[in-house]
């Protein structure tokens, strides 16, 4: 069993910053990549960013230059630093963890990010 837990969401004003954290735990779990999607009310879930355990990162065009991901390999933990937040960043942010050598993806419960104008 793999558990994925997010934290760090909250309410901020436009232009401010937040840092989300996500940890994956489970006996013998070894990640290939971890990342973030988000879902705003009435919209489909969309890709935000992900990081491979090699360190390679990818970002959605809408967050490039504002968001950045980092990882702590020993803790199976990733961070999403979100700067210059905009009201359109308001969404529930979901973290996923991908098991190395498989197609298995595990999801967290999500954390709410609300950006007021």
N, C-alpha and C. Protein backbone atom coordinates (compact mmCIF):
# COMPACT_ATOMS: atom_id res chain seq x y z
N UNK A 1 0.84 -1.19 0.00
CA UNK A 1 0.00 0.00 0.00
C UNK A 1 0.89 1.25 0.00
N UNK A 2 0.57 2.17 -0.89
CA UNK A 2 1.32 3.43 -0.99
C UNK A 2 0.39 4.56 -0.59
N UNK A 3 0.87 5.40 0.29
CA UNK A 3 0.10 6.57 0.70
C UNK A 3 0.77 7.83 0.19
N UNK A 4 -0.04 8.70 -0.35
CA UNK A 4 0.44 9.99 -0.86
C UNK A 4 -0.27 11.09 -0.09
N UNK A 5 0.49 11.96 0.53
CA UNK A 5 -0.11 13.00 1.36
C UNK A 5 0.41 14.37 0.97
N UNK A 6 -0.54 15.27 0.71
CA UNK A 6 -0.19 16.64 0.37
C UNK A 6 -0.41 17.54 1.58
N UNK A 7 0.28 18.67 1.58
CA UNK A 7 0.06 19.69 2.60
C UNK A 7 0.53 21.02 2.05
N UNK A 8 0.09 22.09 2.71
CA UNK A 8 0.59 23.41 2.35
C UNK A 8 -0.38 24.32 1.64
N UNK A 9 -1.57 23.82 1.34
CA UNK A 9 -2.53 24.67 0.67
C UNK A 9 -3.04 25.76 1.61
N UNK A 10 -3.78 26.69 1.04
CA UNK A 10 -4.34 27.76 1.85
C UNK A 10 -4.90 28.87 1.01
N UNK A 11 -5.20 29.96 1.68
CA UNK A 11 -5.76 31.15 1.06
C UNK A 11 -4.71 32.25 1.05
N UNK A 12 -4.42 32.77 -0.13
CA UNK A 12 -3.46 33.86 -0.26
C UNK A 12 -4.01 34.91 -1.22
N UNK A 13 -3.36 36.05 -1.25
CA UNK A 13 -3.75 37.10 -2.18
C UNK A 13 -2.90 36.98 -3.45
N UNK A 14 -3.44 37.53 -4.51
CA UNK A 14 -2.71 37.52 -5.78
C UNK A 14 -1.33 38.15 -5.59
N UNK A 15 -0.34 37.51 -6.21
CA UNK A 15 1.04 37.97 -6.10
C UNK A 15 1.84 37.31 -5.00
N UNK A 16 1.14 36.65 -4.08
CA UNK A 16 1.83 35.98 -2.98
C UNK A 16 2.30 34.59 -3.37
N UNK A 17 2.93 33.93 -2.41
CA UNK A 17 3.53 32.61 -2.68
C UNK A 17 2.99 31.57 -1.71
N UNK A 18 3.05 30.33 -2.14
CA UNK A 18 2.75 29.17 -1.31
C UNK A 18 3.70 28.06 -1.70
N UNK A 19 3.97 27.18 -0.74
CA UNK A 19 4.74 25.98 -1.05
C UNK A 19 3.94 24.75 -0.64
N UNK A 20 3.69 23.90 -1.60
CA UNK A 20 3.02 22.63 -1.34
C UNK A 20 4.06 21.54 -1.15
N UNK A 21 3.72 20.62 -0.27
CA UNK A 21 4.58 19.45 -0.03
C UNK A 21 3.78 18.19 -0.31
N UNK A 22 4.50 17.17 -0.72
CA UNK A 22 3.86 15.88 -0.98
C UNK A 22 4.83 14.78 -0.65
N UNK A 23 4.38 13.84 0.16
CA UNK A 23 5.21 12.70 0.54
C UNK A 23 4.53 11.41 0.16
N UNK A 24 5.32 10.47 -0.33
CA UNK A 24 4.83 9.14 -0.66
C UNK A 24 5.49 8.13 0.24
N UNK A 25 4.67 7.27 0.83
CA UNK A 25 5.22 6.28 1.75
C UNK A 25 4.63 4.92 1.47
N UNK A 26 5.40 3.91 1.75
CA UNK A 26 4.95 2.55 1.54
C UNK A 26 6.14 1.63 1.53
N UNK A 27 5.93 0.46 2.04
CA UNK A 27 7.03 -0.47 2.12
C UNK A 27 7.53 -0.81 0.72
N UNK A 28 8.78 -0.64 0.51
CA UNK A 28 9.50 -0.91 -0.75
C UNK A 28 9.13 0.04 -1.89
N UNK A 29 8.38 1.12 -1.58
CA UNK A 29 8.02 2.04 -2.66
C UNK A 29 9.23 2.83 -3.12
N UNK A 30 9.45 2.80 -4.42
CA UNK A 30 10.56 3.54 -5.02
C UNK A 30 10.00 4.35 -6.17
N UNK A 31 10.03 5.68 -6.07
CA UNK A 31 9.41 6.50 -7.10
C UNK A 31 10.24 6.60 -8.37
N UNK A 32 9.54 6.73 -9.48
CA UNK A 32 10.15 7.12 -10.75
C UNK A 32 9.96 8.61 -10.96
N UNK A 33 8.79 9.08 -10.56
CA UNK A 33 8.47 10.50 -10.71
C UNK A 33 7.34 10.83 -9.75
N UNK A 34 7.24 12.10 -9.42
CA UNK A 34 6.11 12.62 -8.67
C UNK A 34 5.70 13.93 -9.29
N UNK A 35 4.45 14.29 -9.11
CA UNK A 35 4.02 15.52 -9.74
C UNK A 35 2.70 16.03 -9.22
N UNK A 36 2.22 17.06 -9.88
CA UNK A 36 1.00 17.75 -9.47
C UNK A 36 0.06 17.97 -10.64
N UNK A 37 -1.21 17.75 -10.37
CA UNK A 37 -2.29 18.17 -11.23
C UNK A 37 -3.17 19.10 -10.39
N UNK A 38 -4.05 19.80 -11.04
CA UNK A 38 -5.00 20.63 -10.31
C UNK A 38 -6.35 20.60 -11.00
N UNK A 39 -7.37 20.87 -10.20
CA UNK A 39 -8.73 20.90 -10.74
C UNK A 39 -9.49 22.05 -10.13
N UNK A 40 -9.90 22.96 -11.00
CA UNK A 40 -10.70 24.11 -10.59
C UNK A 40 -12.17 23.74 -10.69
N UNK A 41 -13.04 24.43 -9.97
CA UNK A 41 -14.48 24.12 -10.03
C UNK A 41 -15.01 24.18 -11.46
N UNK A 42 -15.69 23.14 -11.87
CA UNK A 42 -16.29 23.10 -13.19
C UNK A 42 -15.33 22.81 -14.32
N UNK A 43 -14.08 22.51 -13.99
CA UNK A 43 -13.09 22.24 -15.02
C UNK A 43 -12.49 20.85 -14.83
N UNK A 44 -11.85 20.37 -15.88
CA UNK A 44 -11.20 19.08 -15.80
C UNK A 44 -9.85 19.22 -15.08
N UNK A 45 -9.41 18.09 -14.56
CA UNK A 45 -8.11 18.07 -13.92
C UNK A 45 -7.04 18.32 -14.97
N UNK A 46 -6.07 19.18 -14.65
CA UNK A 46 -5.04 19.51 -15.62
C UNK A 46 -3.64 19.36 -15.01
N UNK A 47 -2.71 19.06 -15.87
CA UNK A 47 -1.31 18.89 -15.48
C UNK A 47 -0.72 20.23 -15.03
N UNK A 48 0.07 20.18 -13.97
CA UNK A 48 0.77 21.37 -13.49
C UNK A 48 2.28 21.20 -13.66
N UNK A 49 2.82 20.15 -13.04
CA UNK A 49 4.27 19.97 -13.07
C UNK A 49 4.60 18.56 -12.61
N UNK A 50 5.77 18.07 -13.03
CA UNK A 50 6.26 16.84 -12.42
C UNK A 50 7.78 16.82 -12.45
N UNK A 51 8.33 15.95 -11.62
CA UNK A 51 9.77 15.83 -11.51
C UNK A 51 10.13 14.35 -11.52
N UNK A 52 11.06 13.99 -12.37
CA UNK A 52 11.57 12.62 -12.35
C UNK A 52 12.63 12.51 -11.26
N UNK A 53 12.84 11.33 -10.79
CA UNK A 53 13.80 11.18 -9.70
C UNK A 53 15.23 11.49 -10.14
N UNK A 54 15.43 11.55 -11.46
CA UNK A 54 16.72 12.00 -11.99
C UNK A 54 16.91 13.50 -11.79
N UNK A 55 15.79 14.19 -11.58
CA UNK A 55 15.85 15.64 -11.41
C UNK A 55 15.22 16.43 -12.54
N UNK A 56 14.92 15.75 -13.64
CA UNK A 56 14.28 16.45 -14.77
C UNK A 56 12.89 16.91 -14.37
N UNK A 57 12.55 18.12 -14.80
CA UNK A 57 11.24 18.68 -14.48
C UNK A 57 10.51 19.11 -15.75
N UNK A 58 9.20 19.12 -15.64
CA UNK A 58 8.34 19.63 -16.72
C UNK A 58 7.23 20.45 -16.08
N UNK A 59 6.84 21.51 -16.77
CA UNK A 59 5.82 22.40 -16.26
C UNK A 59 4.80 22.72 -17.34
N UNK A 60 3.58 22.96 -16.90
CA UNK A 60 2.56 23.46 -17.82
C UNK A 60 2.94 24.88 -18.21
N UNK A 61 2.56 25.26 -19.42
CA UNK A 61 2.90 26.60 -19.89
C UNK A 61 2.34 27.68 -18.96
N UNK A 62 1.19 27.41 -18.38
CA UNK A 62 0.51 28.41 -17.54
C UNK A 62 1.27 28.71 -16.24
N UNK A 63 2.20 27.83 -15.85
CA UNK A 63 2.90 28.05 -14.59
C UNK A 63 4.41 28.22 -14.77
N UNK A 64 4.88 28.07 -16.00
CA UNK A 64 6.33 28.21 -16.24
C UNK A 64 6.82 29.59 -15.80
N UNK A 65 7.95 29.59 -15.12
CA UNK A 65 8.52 30.85 -14.63
C UNK A 65 7.96 31.29 -13.30
N UNK A 66 6.86 30.65 -12.85
CA UNK A 66 6.26 31.02 -11.56
C UNK A 66 6.34 29.88 -10.55
N UNK A 67 6.20 28.66 -11.03
CA UNK A 67 6.21 27.47 -10.17
C UNK A 67 7.51 26.71 -10.38
N UNK A 68 7.97 26.09 -9.32
CA UNK A 68 9.14 25.22 -9.47
C UNK A 68 9.02 24.04 -8.52
N UNK A 69 9.54 22.89 -8.99
CA UNK A 69 9.49 21.67 -8.19
C UNK A 69 10.89 21.30 -7.73
N UNK A 70 10.94 20.70 -6.56
CA UNK A 70 12.18 20.13 -6.06
C UNK A 70 11.83 18.84 -5.33
N UNK A 71 12.84 18.06 -4.99
CA UNK A 71 12.57 16.78 -4.34
C UNK A 71 13.62 16.49 -3.27
N UNK A 72 13.17 15.71 -2.29
CA UNK A 72 14.08 15.13 -1.29
C UNK A 72 14.00 13.63 -1.47
N UNK A 73 14.98 13.06 -2.12
CA UNK A 73 14.93 11.66 -2.49
C UNK A 73 14.82 10.76 -1.27
N UNK A 74 15.57 11.08 -0.23
CA UNK A 74 15.59 10.21 0.95
C UNK A 74 14.20 10.11 1.58
N UNK A 75 13.45 11.20 1.51
CA UNK A 75 12.14 11.23 2.15
C UNK A 75 11.00 10.94 1.19
N UNK A 76 11.30 10.67 -0.08
CA UNK A 76 10.23 10.50 -1.08
C UNK A 76 9.26 11.67 -1.03
N UNK A 77 9.83 12.86 -0.98
CA UNK A 77 9.02 14.06 -0.82
C UNK A 77 9.35 15.05 -1.92
N UNK A 78 8.32 15.69 -2.43
CA UNK A 78 8.50 16.74 -3.42
C UNK A 78 7.83 18.01 -2.92
N UNK A 79 8.29 19.11 -3.50
CA UNK A 79 7.76 20.42 -3.14
C UNK A 79 7.37 21.16 -4.42
N UNK A 80 6.31 21.92 -4.32
CA UNK A 80 5.90 22.78 -5.41
C UNK A 80 5.90 24.21 -4.87
N UNK A 81 6.91 24.96 -5.27
CA UNK A 81 6.99 26.37 -4.87
C UNK A 81 6.20 27.19 -5.89
N UNK A 82 5.19 27.87 -5.40
CA UNK A 82 4.31 28.64 -6.27
C UNK A 82 4.46 30.12 -5.95
N UNK A 83 5.01 30.86 -6.90
CA UNK A 83 5.20 32.30 -6.73
C UNK A 83 4.28 33.07 -7.67
N UNK A 84 4.13 34.34 -7.36
CA UNK A 84 3.30 35.23 -8.20
C UNK A 84 1.96 34.59 -8.50
N UNK A 85 1.30 34.11 -7.49
CA UNK A 85 0.04 33.40 -7.68
C UNK A 85 -1.04 34.32 -8.24
N UNK A 86 -1.89 33.72 -9.06
CA UNK A 86 -2.98 34.44 -9.72
C UNK A 86 -4.30 33.82 -9.30
N UNK A 87 -5.39 34.57 -9.39
CA UNK A 87 -6.70 33.98 -9.07
C UNK A 87 -6.99 32.72 -9.89
N UNK A 88 -6.51 32.67 -11.12
CA UNK A 88 -6.76 31.50 -11.96
C UNK A 88 -5.97 30.27 -11.51
N UNK A 89 -5.08 30.43 -10.54
CA UNK A 89 -4.40 29.27 -9.95
C UNK A 89 -5.25 28.58 -8.89
N UNK A 90 -6.37 29.19 -8.55
CA UNK A 90 -7.26 28.60 -7.56
C UNK A 90 -7.76 27.25 -8.02
N UNK A 91 -7.54 26.24 -7.19
CA UNK A 91 -7.92 24.87 -7.55
C UNK A 91 -7.57 23.95 -6.38
N UNK A 92 -8.04 22.73 -6.49
CA UNK A 92 -7.55 21.67 -5.62
C UNK A 92 -6.33 21.07 -6.32
N UNK A 93 -5.24 21.00 -5.61
CA UNK A 93 -3.99 20.48 -6.17
C UNK A 93 -3.79 19.04 -5.69
N UNK A 94 -3.61 18.16 -6.65
CA UNK A 94 -3.45 16.74 -6.37
C UNK A 94 -2.03 16.30 -6.69
N UNK A 95 -1.44 15.59 -5.77
CA UNK A 95 -0.11 15.05 -5.99
C UNK A 95 -0.21 13.60 -6.43
N UNK A 96 0.71 13.19 -7.29
CA UNK A 96 0.77 11.77 -7.67
C UNK A 96 2.21 11.28 -7.53
N UNK A 97 2.30 9.99 -7.31
CA UNK A 97 3.61 9.33 -7.20
C UNK A 97 3.59 8.11 -8.10
N UNK A 98 4.59 7.99 -8.93
CA UNK A 98 4.66 6.90 -9.90
C UNK A 98 5.74 5.91 -9.47
N UNK A 99 5.34 4.65 -9.38
CA UNK A 99 6.28 3.62 -8.94
C UNK A 99 7.25 3.28 -10.06
N UNK A 100 8.52 3.22 -9.73
CA UNK A 100 9.55 2.91 -10.71
C UNK A 100 9.35 1.52 -11.29
N UNK A 101 9.53 1.43 -12.59
CA UNK A 101 9.47 0.14 -13.27
C UNK A 101 8.08 -0.38 -13.54
N UNK A 102 7.07 0.44 -13.26
CA UNK A 102 5.69 0.02 -13.47
C UNK A 102 4.90 1.19 -14.03
N UNK A 103 3.63 0.94 -14.33
CA UNK A 103 2.73 2.01 -14.76
C UNK A 103 1.82 2.45 -13.60
N UNK A 104 2.19 2.07 -12.39
CA UNK A 104 1.32 2.37 -11.25
C UNK A 104 1.48 3.82 -10.83
N UNK A 105 0.38 4.48 -10.66
CA UNK A 105 0.33 5.86 -10.20
C UNK A 105 -0.59 5.94 -9.01
N UNK A 106 -0.12 6.61 -7.98
CA UNK A 106 -0.89 6.77 -6.74
C UNK A 106 -1.18 8.25 -6.53
N UNK A 107 -2.39 8.51 -6.04
CA UNK A 107 -2.85 9.89 -5.88
C UNK A 107 -3.09 10.22 -4.42
N UNK A 108 -2.86 11.50 -4.10
CA UNK A 108 -3.24 12.01 -2.81
C UNK A 108 -4.68 12.51 -2.84
N UNK A 109 -5.12 12.99 -1.69
CA UNK A 109 -6.51 13.44 -1.55
C UNK A 109 -6.71 14.85 -2.05
N UNK A 110 -5.64 15.60 -2.21
CA UNK A 110 -5.75 16.95 -2.71
C UNK A 110 -5.65 17.99 -1.61
N UNK A 111 -5.18 19.16 -1.98
CA UNK A 111 -5.11 20.28 -1.04
C UNK A 111 -5.60 21.54 -1.76
N UNK A 112 -6.42 22.30 -1.09
CA UNK A 112 -7.05 23.47 -1.70
C UNK A 112 -6.11 24.66 -1.70
N UNK A 113 -6.00 25.28 -2.85
CA UNK A 113 -5.28 26.55 -2.99
C UNK A 113 -6.27 27.59 -3.50
N UNK A 114 -6.41 28.67 -2.77
CA UNK A 114 -7.32 29.73 -3.16
C UNK A 114 -6.55 31.04 -3.22
N UNK A 115 -6.65 31.70 -4.36
CA UNK A 115 -5.93 32.96 -4.57
C UNK A 115 -6.98 34.05 -4.78
N UNK A 116 -7.01 35.01 -3.90
CA UNK A 116 -7.99 36.09 -4.01
C UNK A 116 -7.37 37.27 -4.76
N UNK A 117 -8.25 37.99 -5.45
CA UNK A 117 -7.76 39.12 -6.25
C UNK A 117 -7.74 40.40 -5.43
